All heavy atoms as atom14 arrays in JSON, in Angstrom:
{
  "sequence": "DDGGSGAGAGTTVSGTAAKGAMLVGATVEMTCAN",
  "atom14_mask": [
    [1, 1, 1, 1, 1, 1, 1, 1, 0, 0, 0, 0, 0, 0],
    [1, 1, 1, 1, 1, 1, 1, 1, 0, 0, 0, 0, 0, 0],
    [1, 1, 1, 1, 0, 0, 0, 0, 0, 0, 0, 0, 0, 0],
    [1, 1, 1, 1, 0, 0, 0, 0, 0, 0, 0, 0, 0, 0],
    [1, 1, 1, 1, 1, 1, 0, 0, 0, 0, 0, 0, 0, 0],
    [1, 1, 1, 1, 0, 0, 0, 0, 0, 0, 0, 0, 0, 0],
    [1, 1, 1, 1, 1, 0, 0, 0, 0, 0, 0, 0, 0, 0],
    [1, 1, 1, 1, 0, 0, 0, 0, 0, 0, 0, 0, 0, 0],
    [1, 1, 1, 1, 1, 0, 0, 0, 0, 0, 0, 0, 0, 0],
    [1, 1, 1, 1, 0, 0, 0, 0, 0, 0, 0, 0, 0, 0],
    [1, 1, 1, 1, 1, 1, 1, 0, 0, 0, 0, 0, 0, 0],
    [1, 1, 1, 1, 1, 1, 1, 0, 0, 0, 0, 0, 0, 0],
    [1, 1, 1, 1, 1, 1, 1, 0, 0, 0, 0, 0, 0, 0],
    [1, 1, 1, 1, 1, 1, 0, 0, 0, 0, 0, 0, 0, 0],
    [1, 1, 1, 1, 0, 0, 0, 0, 0, 0, 0, 0, 0, 0],
    [1, 1, 1, 1, 1, 1, 1, 0, 0, 0, 0, 0, 0, 0],
    [1, 1, 1, 1, 1, 0, 0, 0, 0, 0, 0, 0, 0, 0],
    [1, 1, 1, 1, 1, 0, 0, 0, 0, 0, 0, 0, 0, 0],
    [1, 1, 1, 1, 1, 1, 1, 1, 1, 0, 0, 0, 0, 0],
    [1, 1, 1, 1, 0, 0, 0, 0, 0, 0, 0, 0, 0, 0],
    [1, 1, 1, 1, 1, 0, 0, 0, 0, 0, 0, 0, 0, 0],
    [1, 1, 1, 1, 1, 1, 1, 1, 0, 0, 0, 0, 0, 0],
    [1, 1, 1, 1, 1, 1, 1, 1, 0, 0, 0, 0, 0, 0],
    [1, 1, 1, 1, 1, 1, 1, 0, 0, 0, 0, 0, 0, 0],
    [1, 1, 1, 1, 0, 0, 0, 0, 0, 0, 0, 0, 0, 0],
    [1, 1, 1, 1, 1, 0, 0, 0, 0, 0, 0, 0, 0, 0],
    [1, 1, 1, 1, 1, 1, 1, 0, 0, 0, 0, 0, 0, 0],
    [1, 1, 1, 1, 1, 1, 1, 0, 0, 0, 0, 0, 0, 0],
    [1, 1, 1, 1, 1, 1, 1, 1, 1, 0, 0, 0, 0, 0],
    [1, 1, 1, 1, 1, 1, 1, 1, 0, 0, 0, 0, 0, 0],
    [1, 1, 1, 1, 1, 1, 1, 0, 0, 0, 0, 0, 0, 0],
    [1, 1, 1, 1, 1, 1, 0, 0, 0, 0, 0, 0, 0, 0],
    [1, 1, 1, 1, 1, 0, 0, 0, 0, 0, 0, 0, 0, 0],
    [1, 1, 1, 1, 1, 1, 1, 1, 0, 0, 0, 0, 0, 0]
  ],
  "atom14_positions": [
    [[1.13, 1.86, 19.05], [0.66, 1.26, 17.78], [0.13, 2.32, 16.84], [-0.52, 2.01, 15.88], [-0.41, 0.23, 18.06], [0.19, -1.1, 18.53], [1.42, -1.3, 18.35], [-0.56, -1.88, 19.09], [0.0, 0.0, 0.0], [0.0, 0.0, 0.0], [0.0, 0.0, 0.0], [0.0, 0.0, 0.0], [0.0, 0.0, 0.0], [0.0, 0.0, 0.0]],
    [[0.37, 3.59, 17.15], [-0.15, 4.66, 16.29], [0.91, 5.6, 15.89], [0.71, 6.82, 15.73], [-1.34, 5.4, 16.98], [-0.93, 5.95, 18.32], [0.21, 5.68, 18.79], [-1.74, 6.7, 18.91], [0.0, 0.0, 0.0], [0.0, 0.0, 0.0], [0.0, 0.0, 0.0], [0.0, 0.0, 0.0], [0.0, 0.0, 0.0], [0.0, 0.0, 0.0]],
    [[2.18, 5.13, 15.72], [3.28, 5.99, 15.38], [3.21, 6.46, 13.95], [2.38, 6.08, 13.16], [0.0, 0.0, 0.0], [0.0, 0.0, 0.0], [0.0, 0.0, 0.0], [0.0, 0.0, 0.0], [0.0, 0.0, 0.0], [0.0, 0.0, 0.0], [0.0, 0.0, 0.0], [0.0, 0.0, 0.0], [0.0, 0.0, 0.0], [0.0, 0.0, 0.0]],
    [[4.13, 7.32, 13.6], [4.2, 7.85, 12.24], [3.25, 8.94, 12.0], [2.56, 9.48, 12.87], [0.0, 0.0, 0.0], [0.0, 0.0, 0.0], [0.0, 0.0, 0.0], [0.0, 0.0, 0.0], [0.0, 0.0, 0.0], [0.0, 0.0, 0.0], [0.0, 0.0, 0.0], [0.0, 0.0, 0.0], [0.0, 0.0, 0.0], [0.0, 0.0, 0.0]],
    [[3.17, 9.36, 10.74], [2.26, 10.41, 10.3], [0.99, 9.74, 9.87], [0.91, 9.09, 8.88], [2.89, 11.19, 9.18], [2.02, 12.14, 8.67], [0.0, 0.0, 0.0], [0.0, 0.0, 0.0], [0.0, 0.0, 0.0], [0.0, 0.0, 0.0], [0.0, 0.0, 0.0], [0.0, 0.0, 0.0], [0.0, 0.0, 0.0], [0.0, 0.0, 0.0]],
    [[-0.1, 9.95, 10.59], [-1.31, 9.23, 10.36], [-2.2, 9.75, 9.3], [-2.38, 10.97, 9.15], [0.0, 0.0, 0.0], [0.0, 0.0, 0.0], [0.0, 0.0, 0.0], [0.0, 0.0, 0.0], [0.0, 0.0, 0.0], [0.0, 0.0, 0.0], [0.0, 0.0, 0.0], [0.0, 0.0, 0.0], [0.0, 0.0, 0.0], [0.0, 0.0, 0.0]],
    [[-2.81, 8.88, 8.48], [-3.8, 9.28, 7.51], [-5.18, 8.86, 7.95], [-6.19, 9.24, 7.38], [-3.47, 8.66, 6.16], [0.0, 0.0, 0.0], [0.0, 0.0, 0.0], [0.0, 0.0, 0.0], [0.0, 0.0, 0.0], [0.0, 0.0, 0.0], [0.0, 0.0, 0.0], [0.0, 0.0, 0.0], [0.0, 0.0, 0.0], [0.0, 0.0, 0.0]],
    [[-5.28, 8.0, 9.0], [-6.55, 7.67, 9.55], [-7.17, 6.37, 9.02], [-6.71, 5.78, 8.06], [0.0, 0.0, 0.0], [0.0, 0.0, 0.0], [0.0, 0.0, 0.0], [0.0, 0.0, 0.0], [0.0, 0.0, 0.0], [0.0, 0.0, 0.0], [0.0, 0.0, 0.0], [0.0, 0.0, 0.0], [0.0, 0.0, 0.0], [0.0, 0.0, 0.0]],
    [[-8.21, 5.95, 9.73], [-8.9, 4.72, 9.36], [-9.63, 4.89, 8.05], [-10.07, 5.98, 7.69], [-9.89, 4.34, 10.47], [0.0, 0.0, 0.0], [0.0, 0.0, 0.0], [0.0, 0.0, 0.0], [0.0, 0.0, 0.0], [0.0, 0.0, 0.0], [0.0, 0.0, 0.0], [0.0, 0.0, 0.0], [0.0, 0.0, 0.0], [0.0, 0.0, 0.0]],
    [[-9.74, 3.77, 7.32], [-10.52, 3.8, 6.07], [-9.78, 4.49, 4.94], [-10.41, 4.83, 3.92], [0.0, 0.0, 0.0], [0.0, 0.0, 0.0], [0.0, 0.0, 0.0], [0.0, 0.0, 0.0], [0.0, 0.0, 0.0], [0.0, 0.0, 0.0], [0.0, 0.0, 0.0], [0.0, 0.0, 0.0], [0.0, 0.0, 0.0], [0.0, 0.0, 0.0]],
    [[-8.49, 4.73, 5.03], [-7.72, 5.36, 3.95], [-7.55, 4.38, 2.82], [-7.21, 3.21, 3.02], [-6.36, 5.81, 4.45], [-6.52, 6.77, 5.51], [-5.55, 6.42, 3.33], [0.0, 0.0, 0.0], [0.0, 0.0, 0.0], [0.0, 0.0, 0.0], [0.0, 0.0, 0.0], [0.0, 0.0, 0.0], [0.0, 0.0, 0.0], [0.0, 0.0, 0.0]],
    [[-7.79, 4.85, 1.59], [-7.56, 4.01, 0.42], [-6.17, 4.22, -0.12], [-5.77, 5.36, -0.37], [-8.62, 4.29, -0.67], [-9.91, 4.0, -0.17], [-8.35, 3.45, -1.9], [0.0, 0.0, 0.0], [0.0, 0.0, 0.0], [0.0, 0.0, 0.0], [0.0, 0.0, 0.0], [0.0, 0.0, 0.0], [0.0, 0.0, 0.0], [0.0, 0.0, 0.0]],
    [[-5.45, 3.14, -0.3], [-4.11, 3.2, -0.87], [-4.14, 2.45, -2.18], [-4.72, 1.38, -2.3], [-3.08, 2.52, 0.09], [-1.7, 2.45, -0.59], [-3.03, 3.25, 1.39], [0.0, 0.0, 0.0], [0.0, 0.0, 0.0], [0.0, 0.0, 0.0], [0.0, 0.0, 0.0], [0.0, 0.0, 0.0], [0.0, 0.0, 0.0], [0.0, 0.0, 0.0]],
    [[-3.53, 3.02, -3.22], [-3.52, 2.42, -4.51], [-2.18, 2.66, -5.19], [-1.32, 3.41, -4.7], [-4.67, 2.97, -5.39], [-4.53, 4.38, -5.54], [0.0, 0.0, 0.0], [0.0, 0.0, 0.0], [0.0, 0.0, 0.0], [0.0, 0.0, 0.0], [0.0, 0.0, 0.0], [0.0, 0.0, 0.0], [0.0, 0.0, 0.0], [0.0, 0.0, 0.0]],
    [[-1.99, 2.06, -6.34], [-0.76, 2.23, -7.07], [-0.6, 1.24, -8.17], [-1.55, 0.52, -8.57], [0.0, 0.0, 0.0], [0.0, 0.0, 0.0], [0.0, 0.0, 0.0], [0.0, 0.0, 0.0], [0.0, 0.0, 0.0], [0.0, 0.0, 0.0], [0.0, 0.0, 0.0], [0.0, 0.0, 0.0], [0.0, 0.0, 0.0], [0.0, 0.0, 0.0]],
    [[0.57, 1.15, -8.76], [0.86, 0.3, -9.91], [2.02, -0.61, -9.59], [3.0, -0.19, -9.0], [1.2, 1.16, -11.12], [0.19, 2.13, -11.39], [1.41, 0.31, -12.38], [0.0, 0.0, 0.0], [0.0, 0.0, 0.0], [0.0, 0.0, 0.0], [0.0, 0.0, 0.0], [0.0, 0.0, 0.0], [0.0, 0.0, 0.0], [0.0, 0.0, 0.0]],
    [[1.93, -1.85, -10.03], [3.03, -2.8, -9.93], [3.42, -3.15, -11.36], [2.61, -3.58, -12.16], [2.62, -4.06, -9.19], [0.0, 0.0, 0.0], [0.0, 0.0, 0.0], [0.0, 0.0, 0.0], [0.0, 0.0, 0.0], [0.0, 0.0, 0.0], [0.0, 0.0, 0.0], [0.0, 0.0, 0.0], [0.0, 0.0, 0.0], [0.0, 0.0, 0.0]],
    [[4.69, -2.92, -11.7], [5.13, -3.1, -13.08], [6.63, -3.25, -13.17], [7.37, -2.74, -12.31], [4.69, -1.9, -13.94], [0.0, 0.0, 0.0], [0.0, 0.0, 0.0], [0.0, 0.0, 0.0], [0.0, 0.0, 0.0], [0.0, 0.0, 0.0], [0.0, 0.0, 0.0], [0.0, 0.0, 0.0], [0.0, 0.0, 0.0], [0.0, 0.0, 0.0]],
    [[7.07, -3.91, -14.24], [8.52, -3.99, -14.52], [8.78, -3.4, -15.91], [9.89, -3.51, -16.46], [8.97, -5.45, -14.5], [8.26, -6.4, -15.47], [8.85, -7.78, -15.36], [8.19, -8.72, -16.36], [8.78, -10.1, -16.27], [0.0, 0.0, 0.0], [0.0, 0.0, 0.0], [0.0, 0.0, 0.0], [0.0, 0.0, 0.0], [0.0, 0.0, 0.0]],
    [[7.81, -2.71, -16.44], [7.71, -2.28, -17.84], [6.39, -2.86, -18.26], [5.38, -2.17, -18.39], [0.0, 0.0, 0.0], [0.0, 0.0, 0.0], [0.0, 0.0, 0.0], [0.0, 0.0, 0.0], [0.0, 0.0, 0.0], [0.0, 0.0, 0.0], [0.0, 0.0, 0.0], [0.0, 0.0, 0.0], [0.0, 0.0, 0.0], [0.0, 0.0, 0.0]],
    [[6.3, -4.19, -18.36], [5.01, -4.88, -18.44], [4.35, -4.78, -17.08], [5.01, -4.78, -16.05], [5.28, -6.34, -18.79], [0.0, 0.0, 0.0], [0.0, 0.0, 0.0], [0.0, 0.0, 0.0], [0.0, 0.0, 0.0], [0.0, 0.0, 0.0], [0.0, 0.0, 0.0], [0.0, 0.0, 0.0], [0.0, 0.0, 0.0], [0.0, 0.0, 0.0]],
    [[3.03, -4.66, -17.11], [2.29, -4.59, -15.84], [2.29, -5.97, -15.17], [2.21, -6.99, -15.83], [0.84, -4.15, -16.11], [0.73, -2.78, -16.76], [1.27, -1.43, -15.65], [2.58, -0.73, -16.64], [0.0, 0.0, 0.0], [0.0, 0.0, 0.0], [0.0, 0.0, 0.0], [0.0, 0.0, 0.0], [0.0, 0.0, 0.0], [0.0, 0.0, 0.0]],
    [[2.31, -5.98, -13.84], [2.19, -7.21, -13.07], [0.73, -7.41, -12.81], [0.13, -6.74, -11.94], [3.0, -7.14, -11.8], [4.49, -6.93, -11.9], [5.15, -7.1, -10.52], [5.12, -7.88, -12.91], [0.0, 0.0, 0.0], [0.0, 0.0, 0.0], [0.0, 0.0, 0.0], [0.0, 0.0, 0.0], [0.0, 0.0, 0.0], [0.0, 0.0, 0.0]],
    [[0.13, -8.37, -13.49], [-1.32, -8.64, -13.37], [-1.51, -9.83, -12.42], [-0.9, -10.88, -12.61], [-1.95, -8.97, -14.73], [-3.42, -9.34, -14.57], [-1.76, -7.8, -15.69], [0.0, 0.0, 0.0], [0.0, 0.0, 0.0], [0.0, 0.0, 0.0], [0.0, 0.0, 0.0], [0.0, 0.0, 0.0], [0.0, 0.0, 0.0], [0.0, 0.0, 0.0]],
    [[-2.3, -9.64, -11.38], [-2.55, -10.68, -10.42], [-1.49, -10.75, -9.31], [-1.4, -11.76, -8.58], [0.0, 0.0, 0.0], [0.0, 0.0, 0.0], [0.0, 0.0, 0.0], [0.0, 0.0, 0.0], [0.0, 0.0, 0.0], [0.0, 0.0, 0.0], [0.0, 0.0, 0.0], [0.0, 0.0, 0.0], [0.0, 0.0, 0.0], [0.0, 0.0, 0.0]],
    [[-0.7, -9.72, -9.16], [0.31, -9.68, -8.11], [-0.33, -9.45, -6.74], [-1.32, -8.7, -6.59], [1.34, -8.6, -8.37], [0.0, 0.0, 0.0], [0.0, 0.0, 0.0], [0.0, 0.0, 0.0], [0.0, 0.0, 0.0], [0.0, 0.0, 0.0], [0.0, 0.0, 0.0], [0.0, 0.0, 0.0], [0.0, 0.0, 0.0], [0.0, 0.0, 0.0]],
    [[0.2, -10.07, -5.72], [-0.24, -9.87, -4.34], [0.52, -8.74, -3.74], [1.76, -8.73, -3.71], [-0.03, -11.15, -3.51], [-0.8, -12.2, -4.09], [-0.49, -10.93, -2.08], [0.0, 0.0, 0.0], [0.0, 0.0, 0.0], [0.0, 0.0, 0.0], [0.0, 0.0, 0.0], [0.0, 0.0, 0.0], [0.0, 0.0, 0.0], [0.0, 0.0, 0.0]],
    [[-0.21, -7.73, -3.22], [0.4, -6.56, -2.59], [0.15, -6.63, -1.08], [-0.99, -6.81, -0.66], [-0.15, -5.25, -3.14], [0.38, -4.07, -2.41], [0.14, -5.17, -4.67], [0.0, 0.0, 0.0], [0.0, 0.0, 0.0], [0.0, 0.0, 0.0], [0.0, 0.0, 0.0], [0.0, 0.0, 0.0], [0.0, 0.0, 0.0], [0.0, 0.0, 0.0]],
    [[1.19, -6.51, -0.32], [1.07, -6.5, 1.15], [1.99, -5.42, 1.73], [3.14, -5.33, 1.32], [1.44, -7.89, 1.72], [0.5, -8.97, 1.31], [0.9, -10.32, 1.89], [2.08, -10.5, 2.2], [0.02, -11.18, 2.04], [0.0, 0.0, 0.0], [0.0, 0.0, 0.0], [0.0, 0.0, 0.0], [0.0, 0.0, 0.0], [0.0, 0.0, 0.0]],
    [[1.46, -4.65, 2.68], [2.25, -3.59, 3.34], [1.92, -3.57, 4.84], [0.81, -3.91, 5.24], [1.93, -2.22, 2.76], [2.54, -1.98, 1.38], [2.2, -0.27, 0.79], [0.52, -0.51, 0.19], [0.0, 0.0, 0.0], [0.0, 0.0, 0.0], [0.0, 0.0, 0.0], [0.0, 0.0, 0.0], [0.0, 0.0, 0.0], [0.0, 0.0, 0.0]],
    [[2.91, -3.14, 5.62], [2.71, -2.92, 7.04], [3.06, -1.47, 7.35], [4.09, -0.94, 6.88], [3.61, -3.85, 7.87], [3.32, -5.18, 7.57], [3.37, -3.63, 9.38], [0.0, 0.0, 0.0], [0.0, 0.0, 0.0], [0.0, 0.0, 0.0], [0.0, 0.0, 0.0], [0.0, 0.0, 0.0], [0.0, 0.0, 0.0], [0.0, 0.0, 0.0]],
    [[2.21, -0.81, 8.15], [2.37, 0.61, 8.39], [2.93, 0.87, 9.79], [3.12, -0.02, 10.62], [1.04, 1.31, 8.25], [0.33, 1.19, 6.59], [0.0, 0.0, 0.0], [0.0, 0.0, 0.0], [0.0, 0.0, 0.0], [0.0, 0.0, 0.0], [0.0, 0.0, 0.0], [0.0, 0.0, 0.0], [0.0, 0.0, 0.0], [0.0, 0.0, 0.0]],
    [[3.24, 2.18, 10.06], [3.91, 2.55, 11.29], [3.03, 2.29, 12.54], [3.58, 2.26, 13.66], [4.25, 4.06, 11.25], [0.0, 0.0, 0.0], [0.0, 0.0, 0.0], [0.0, 0.0, 0.0], [0.0, 0.0, 0.0], [0.0, 0.0, 0.0], [0.0, 0.0, 0.0], [0.0, 0.0, 0.0], [0.0, 0.0, 0.0], [0.0, 0.0, 0.0]],
    [[1.75, 2.13, 12.39], [0.88, 1.76, 13.49], [0.65, 0.29, 13.6], [-0.2, -0.16, 14.39], [-0.46, 2.51, 13.38], [-1.16, 2.23, 12.06], [-0.65, 1.52, 11.21], [-2.36, 2.8, 11.91], [0.0, 0.0, 0.0], [0.0, 0.0, 0.0], [0.0, 0.0, 0.0], [0.0, 0.0, 0.0], [0.0, 0.0, 0.0], [0.0, 0.0, 0.0]]
  ]
}
């Protein structure tokens, strides 16, 4: 459960969701290698 290149616990991930216009109120979900 700890595969991949690890950044460690408590890592903050951020970014932008947009199609040109910004996506406001979009739900972001990701699953990592661990």
